[in-house]
Amino acid sequence: MNVREGTIPTALGTVVTGVGATLVAKRVAPMVAAGVVGFGAAHIVLGAIDLVHHTKHWR
């Protein structure tokens, strides 16, 4: 199985951001929920950078 570098962090970040957004909407531990959203968003950004950086165009 060949998975492009950056796909897994981007997908994980999307899931974590969704969980954090759900926690924010339900007002469960707002500071923790905001941290979870930020953690997920960081993974999305870093994964997207990897996806763009490791395309054939850049090699």
PDB file of N, CA and C in Angstrom:
ATOM      1  N   MET A   1       0.848  -1.175   0.000  1.00  0.00           N
ATOM      2  CA  MET A   1       0.000   0.000   0.000  1.00  0.00           C
ATOM      3  C   MET A   1       0.891   1.234   0.000  1.00  0.00           C
ATOM      4  N   ASN A   2       0.617   2.146  -0.898  1.00  0.00           N
ATOM      5  CA  ASN A   2       1.424   3.346  -1.029  1.00  0.00           C
ATOM      6  C   ASN A   2       0.593   4.560  -0.639  1.00  0.00           C
ATOM      7  N   VAL A   3       0.892   5.132   0.528  1.00  0.00           N
ATOM      8  CA  VAL A   3       0.176   6.306   1.014  1.00  0.00           C
ATOM      9  C   VAL A   3       1.105   7.506   0.901  1.00  0.00           C
ATOM     10  N   ARG A   4       0.638   8.562   0.270  1.00  0.00           N
ATOM     11  CA  ARG A   4       1.452   9.760   0.122  1.00  0.00           C
ATOM     12  C   ARG A   4       1.793  10.352   1.483  1.00  0.00           C
ATOM     13  N   GLU A   5       3.020  10.824   1.622  1.00  0.00           N
ATOM     14  CA  GLU A   5       3.455  11.421   2.875  1.00  0.00           C
ATOM     15  C   GLU A   5       2.618  12.671   3.153  1.00  0.00           C
ATOM     16  N   GLY A   6       2.078  12.752   4.342  1.00  0.00           N
ATOM     17  CA  GLY A   6       1.241  13.876   4.737  1.00  0.00           C
ATOM     18  C   GLY A   6      -0.237  13.547   4.767  1.00  0.00           C
ATOM     19  N   THR A   7      -0.627  12.428   4.167  1.00  0.00           N
ATOM     20  CA  THR A   7      -2.042  12.062   4.134  1.00  0.00           C
ATOM     21  C   THR A   7      -2.554  11.692   5.525  1.00  0.00           C
ATOM     22  N   ILE A   8      -1.786  10.904   6.247  1.00  0.00           N
ATOM     23  CA  ILE A   8      -2.226  10.439   7.561  1.00  0.00           C
ATOM     24  C   ILE A   8      -2.328  11.604   8.559  1.00  0.00           C
ATOM     25  N   PRO A   9      -1.326  12.493   8.669  1.00  0.00           N
ATOM     26  CA  PRO A   9      -1.497  13.624   9.589  1.00  0.00           C
ATOM     27  C   PRO A   9      -2.669  14.527   9.217  1.00  0.00           C
ATOM     28  N   THR A  10      -2.897  14.712   7.919  1.00  0.00           N
ATOM     29  CA  THR A  10      -4.016  15.551   7.492  1.00  0.00           C
ATOM     30  C   THR A  10      -5.349  14.916   7.869  1.00  0.00           C
ATOM     31  N   ALA A  11      -5.480  13.625   7.640  1.00  0.00           N
ATOM     32  CA  ALA A  11      -6.719  12.923   7.995  1.00  0.00           C
ATOM     33  C   ALA A  11      -6.916  12.897   9.511  1.00  0.00           C
ATOM     34  N   LEU A  12      -5.855  12.622  10.240  1.00  0.00           N
ATOM     35  CA  LEU A  12      -5.933  12.613  11.702  1.00  0.00           C
ATOM     36  C   LEU A  12      -6.317  13.993  12.222  1.00  0.00           C
ATOM     37  N   GLY A  13      -5.717  15.030  11.651  1.00  0.00           N
ATOM     38  CA  GLY A  13      -6.041  16.396  12.060  1.00  0.00           C
ATOM     39  C   GLY A  13      -7.489  16.752  11.801  1.00  0.00           C
ATOM     40  N   THR A  14      -8.033  16.259  10.702  1.00  0.00           N
ATOM     41  CA  THR A  14      -9.435  16.518  10.385  1.00  0.00           C
ATOM     42  C   THR A  14     -10.355  15.880  11.421  1.00  0.00           C
ATOM     43  N   VAL A  15     -10.051  14.653  11.796  1.00  0.00           N
ATOM     44  CA  VAL A  15     -10.858  13.948  12.796  1.00  0.00           C
ATOM     45  C   VAL A  15     -10.752  14.645  14.152  1.00  0.00           C
ATOM     46  N   VAL A  16      -9.537  14.981  14.561  1.00  0.00           N
ATOM     47  CA  VAL A  16      -9.329  15.620  15.866  1.00  0.00           C
ATOM     48  C   VAL A  16      -9.999  16.993  15.907  1.00  0.00           C
ATOM     49  N   THR A  17      -9.906  17.748  14.821  1.00  0.00           N
ATOM     50  CA  THR A  17     -10.570  19.053  14.776  1.00  0.00           C
ATOM     51  C   THR A  17     -12.085  18.894  14.882  1.00  0.00           C
ATOM     52  N   GLY A  18     -12.626  17.887  14.233  1.00  0.00           N
ATOM     53  CA  GLY A  18     -14.068  17.627  14.332  1.00  0.00           C
ATOM     54  C   GLY A  18     -14.488  17.269  15.739  1.00  0.00           C
ATOM     55  N   VAL A  19     -13.684  16.450  16.411  1.00  0.00           N
ATOM     56  CA  VAL A  19     -13.988  16.100  17.802  1.00  0.00           C
ATOM     57  C   VAL A  19     -13.924  17.348  18.679  1.00  0.00           C
ATOM     58  N   GLY A  20     -12.908  18.164  18.470  1.00  0.00           N
ATOM     59  CA  GLY A  20     -12.776  19.400  19.242  1.00  0.00           C
ATOM     60  C   GLY A  20     -13.928  20.354  18.996  1.00  0.00           C
ATOM     61  N   ALA A  21     -14.357  20.464  17.749  1.00  0.00           N
ATOM     62  CA  ALA A  21     -15.486  21.334  17.425  1.00  0.00           C
ATOM     63  C   ALA A  21     -16.768  20.837  18.087  1.00  0.00           C
ATOM     64  N   THR A  22     -16.923  19.525  18.158  1.00  0.00           N
ATOM     65  CA  THR A  22     -18.087  18.952  18.838  1.00  0.00           C
ATOM     66  C   THR A  22     -18.047  19.279  20.330  1.00  0.00           C
ATOM     67  N   LEU A  23     -16.857  19.186  20.917  1.00  0.00           N
ATOM     68  CA  LEU A  23     -16.715  19.527  22.335  1.00  0.00           C
ATOM     69  C   LEU A  23     -16.997  21.009  22.581  1.00  0.00           C
ATOM     70  N   VAL A  24     -16.559  21.863  21.663  1.00  0.00           N
ATOM     71  CA  VAL A  24     -16.832  23.297  21.791  1.00  0.00           C
ATOM     72  C   VAL A  24     -18.336  23.545  21.716  1.00  0.00           C
ATOM     73  N   ALA A  25     -19.002  22.895  20.775  1.00  0.00           N
ATOM     74  CA  ALA A  25     -20.442  23.091  20.605  1.00  0.00           C
ATOM     75  C   ALA A  25     -21.226  22.619  21.826  1.00  0.00           C
ATOM     76  N   LYS A  26     -20.743  21.548  22.473  1.00  0.00           N
ATOM     77  CA  LYS A  26     -21.439  21.021  23.651  1.00  0.00           C
ATOM     78  C   LYS A  26     -20.985  21.705  24.945  1.00  0.00           C
ATOM     79  N   ARG A  27     -20.034  22.649  24.809  1.00  0.00           N
ATOM     80  CA  ARG A  27     -19.507  23.407  25.951  1.00  0.00           C
ATOM     81  C   ARG A  27     -18.936  22.503  27.033  1.00  0.00           C
ATOM     82  N   VAL A  28     -18.198  21.483  26.585  1.00  0.00           N
ATOM     83  CA  VAL A  28     -17.528  20.563  27.498  1.00  0.00           C
ATOM     84  C   VAL A  28     -16.088  21.014  27.633  1.00  0.00           C
ATOM     85  N   ALA A  29     -15.692  21.441  28.815  1.00  0.00           N
ATOM     86  CA  ALA A  29     -14.328  21.888  29.101  1.00  0.00           C
ATOM     87  C   ALA A  29     -13.816  22.790  27.979  1.00  0.00           C
ATOM     88  N   PRO A  30     -14.277  24.037  27.921  1.00  0.00           N
ATOM     89  CA  PRO A  30     -13.972  24.911  26.788  1.00  0.00           C
ATOM     90  C   PRO A  30     -12.479  25.098  26.507  1.00  0.00           C
ATOM     91  N   MET A  31     -11.649  25.174  27.532  1.00  0.00           N
ATOM     92  CA  MET A  31     -10.212  25.360  27.304  1.00  0.00           C
ATOM     93  C   MET A  31      -9.596  24.108  26.663  1.00  0.00           C
ATOM     94  N   VAL A  32     -10.008  22.953  27.132  1.00  0.00           N
ATOM     95  CA  VAL A  32      -9.507  21.696  26.567  1.00  0.00           C
ATOM     96  C   VAL A  32     -10.007  21.549  25.131  1.00  0.00           C
ATOM     97  N   ALA A  33     -11.267  21.869  24.902  1.00  0.00           N
ATOM     98  CA  ALA A  33     -11.842  21.762  23.562  1.00  0.00           C
ATOM     99  C   ALA A  33     -11.109  22.678  22.584  1.00  0.00           C
ATOM    100  N   ALA A  34     -10.788  23.896  23.019  1.00  0.00           N
ATOM    101  CA  ALA A  34     -10.054  24.817  22.155  1.00  0.00           C
ATOM    102  C   ALA A  34      -8.656  24.266  21.858  1.00  0.00           C
ATOM    103  N   GLY A  35      -8.041  23.648  22.840  1.00  0.00           N
ATOM    104  CA  GLY A  35      -6.731  23.033  22.629  1.00  0.00           C
ATOM    105  C   GLY A  35      -6.798  21.880  21.639  1.00  0.00           C
ATOM    106  N   VAL A  36      -7.845  21.086  21.724  1.00  0.00           N
ATOM    107  CA  VAL A  36      -8.021  19.960  20.802  1.00  0.00           C
ATOM    108  C   VAL A  36      -8.220  20.472  19.377  1.00  0.00           C
ATOM    109  N   VAL A  37      -9.009  21.530  19.215  1.00  0.00           N
ATOM    110  CA  VAL A  37      -9.212  22.121  17.887  1.00  0.00           C
ATOM    111  C   VAL A  37      -7.886  22.644  17.340  1.00  0.00           C
ATOM    112  N   GLY A  38      -7.118  23.321  18.165  1.00  0.00           N
ATOM    113  CA  GLY A  38      -5.827  23.843  17.732  1.00  0.00           C
ATOM    114  C   GLY A  38      -4.853  22.743  17.359  1.00  0.00           C
ATOM    115  N   PHE A  39      -4.833  21.685  18.145  1.00  0.00           N
ATOM    116  CA  PHE A  39      -3.958  20.540  17.869  1.00  0.00           C
ATOM    117  C   PHE A  39      -4.322  19.901  16.531  1.00  0.00           C
ATOM    118  N   GLY A  40      -5.614  19.740  16.291  1.00  0.00           N
ATOM    119  CA  GLY A  40      -6.067  19.167  15.025  1.00  0.00           C
ATOM    120  C   GLY A  40      -5.764  20.078  13.843  1.00  0.00           C
ATOM    121  N   ALA A  41      -5.976  21.376  14.036  1.00  0.00           N
ATOM    122  CA  ALA A  41      -5.695  22.330  12.958  1.00  0.00           C
ATOM    123  C   ALA A  41      -4.207  22.342  12.611  1.00  0.00           C
ATOM    124  N   ALA A  42      -3.357  22.224  13.622  1.00  0.00           N
ATOM    125  CA  ALA A  42      -1.916  22.180  13.374  1.00  0.00           C
ATOM    126  C   ALA A  42      -1.546  20.950  12.542  1.00  0.00           C
ATOM    127  N   HIS A  43      -2.183  19.828  12.839  1.00  0.00           N
ATOM    128  CA  HIS A  43      -1.908  18.616  12.052  1.00  0.00           C
ATOM    129  C   HIS A  43      -2.382  18.765  10.604  1.00  0.00           C
ATOM    130  N   ILE A  44      -3.500  19.423  10.413  1.00  0.00           N
ATOM    131  CA  ILE A  44      -3.986  19.650   9.052  1.00  0.00           C
ATOM    132  C   ILE A  44      -2.986  20.504   8.277  1.00  0.00           C
ATOM    133  N   VAL A  45      -2.513  21.577   8.892  1.00  0.00           N
ATOM    134  CA  VAL A  45      -1.564  22.470   8.219  1.00  0.00           C
ATOM    135  C   VAL A  45      -0.255  21.747   7.914  1.00  0.00           C
ATOM    136  N   LEU A  46       0.298  21.051   8.897  1.00  0.00           N
ATOM    137  CA  LEU A  46       1.570  20.365   8.690  1.00  0.00           C
ATOM    138  C   LEU A  46       1.439  19.222   7.680  1.00  0.00           C
ATOM    139  N   GLY A  47       0.325  18.505   7.724  1.00  0.00           N
ATOM    140  CA  GLY A  47       0.095  17.448   6.745  1.00  0.00           C
ATOM    141  C   GLY A  47      -0.057  18.003   5.342  1.00  0.00           C
ATOM    142  N   ALA A  48      -0.739  19.142   5.224  1.00  0.00           N
ATOM    143  CA  ALA A  48      -0.905  19.767   3.911  1.00  0.00           C
ATOM    144  C   ALA A  48       0.436  20.242   3.364  1.00  0.00           C
ATOM    145  N   ILE A  49       1.289  20.762   4.233  1.00  0.00           N
ATOM    146  CA  ILE A  49       2.629  21.168   3.798  1.00  0.00           C
ATOM    147  C   ILE A  49       3.382  19.961   3.260  1.00  0.00           C
ATOM    148  N   ASP A  50       3.313  18.830   3.966  1.00  0.00           N
ATOM    149  CA  ASP A  50       3.968  17.611   3.487  1.00  0.00           C
ATOM    150  C   ASP A  50       3.397  17.160   2.142  1.00  0.00           C
ATOM    151  N   LEU A  51       2.080  17.227   1.993  1.00  0.00           N
ATOM    152  CA  LEU A  51       1.458  16.813   0.737  1.00  0.00           C
ATOM    153  C   LEU A  51       1.943  17.675  -0.427  1.00  0.00           C
ATOM    154  N   VAL A  52       2.029  18.972  -0.214  1.00  0.00           N
ATOM    155  CA  VAL A  52       2.458  19.878  -1.275  1.00  0.00           C
ATOM    156  C   VAL A  52       3.950  19.713  -1.550  1.00  0.00           C
ATOM    157  N   HIS A  53       4.710  19.568  -0.497  1.00  0.00           N
ATOM    158  CA  HIS A  53       6.171  19.500  -0.627  1.00  0.00           C
ATOM    159  C   HIS A  53       6.626  18.218  -1.319  1.00  0.00           C
ATOM    160  N   HIS A  54       5.913  17.132  -1.154  1.00  0.00           N
ATOM    161  CA  HIS A  54       6.336  15.850  -1.678  1.00  0.00           C
ATOM    162  C   HIS A  54       5.590  15.443  -2.957  1.00  0.00           C
ATOM    163  N   THR A  55       5.149  16.407  -3.714  1.00  0.00           N
ATOM    164  CA  THR A  55       4.535  16.084  -5.003  1.00  0.00           C
ATOM    165  C   THR A  55       5.635  15.977  -6.053  1.00  0.00           C
ATOM    166  N   LYS A  56       5.357  15.373  -7.159  1.00  0.00           N
ATOM    167  CA  LYS A  56       6.354  15.212  -8.215  1.00  0.00           C
ATOM    168  C   LYS A  56       6.788  16.556  -8.811  1.00  0.00           C
ATOM    169  N   HIS A  57       5.912  17.539  -8.712  1.00  0.00           N
ATOM    170  CA  HIS A  57       6.229  18.858  -9.243  1.00  0.00           C
ATOM    171  C   HIS A  57       7.440  19.473  -8.546  1.00  0.00           C
ATOM    172  N   TRP A  58       7.562  19.231  -7.259  1.00  0.00           N
ATOM    173  CA  TRP A  58       8.636  19.838  -6.469  1.00  0.00           C
ATOM    174  C   TRP A  58       9.927  19.048  -6.504  1.00  0.00           C
ATOM    175  N   ARG A  59       9.915  17.819  -6.986  1.00  0.00           N
ATOM    176  CA  ARG A  59      11.118  16.991  -6.955  1.00  0.00           C
ATOM    177  C   ARG A  59      12.056  17.303  -8.064  1.00  0.00           C
TER     178      ARG A  59
END
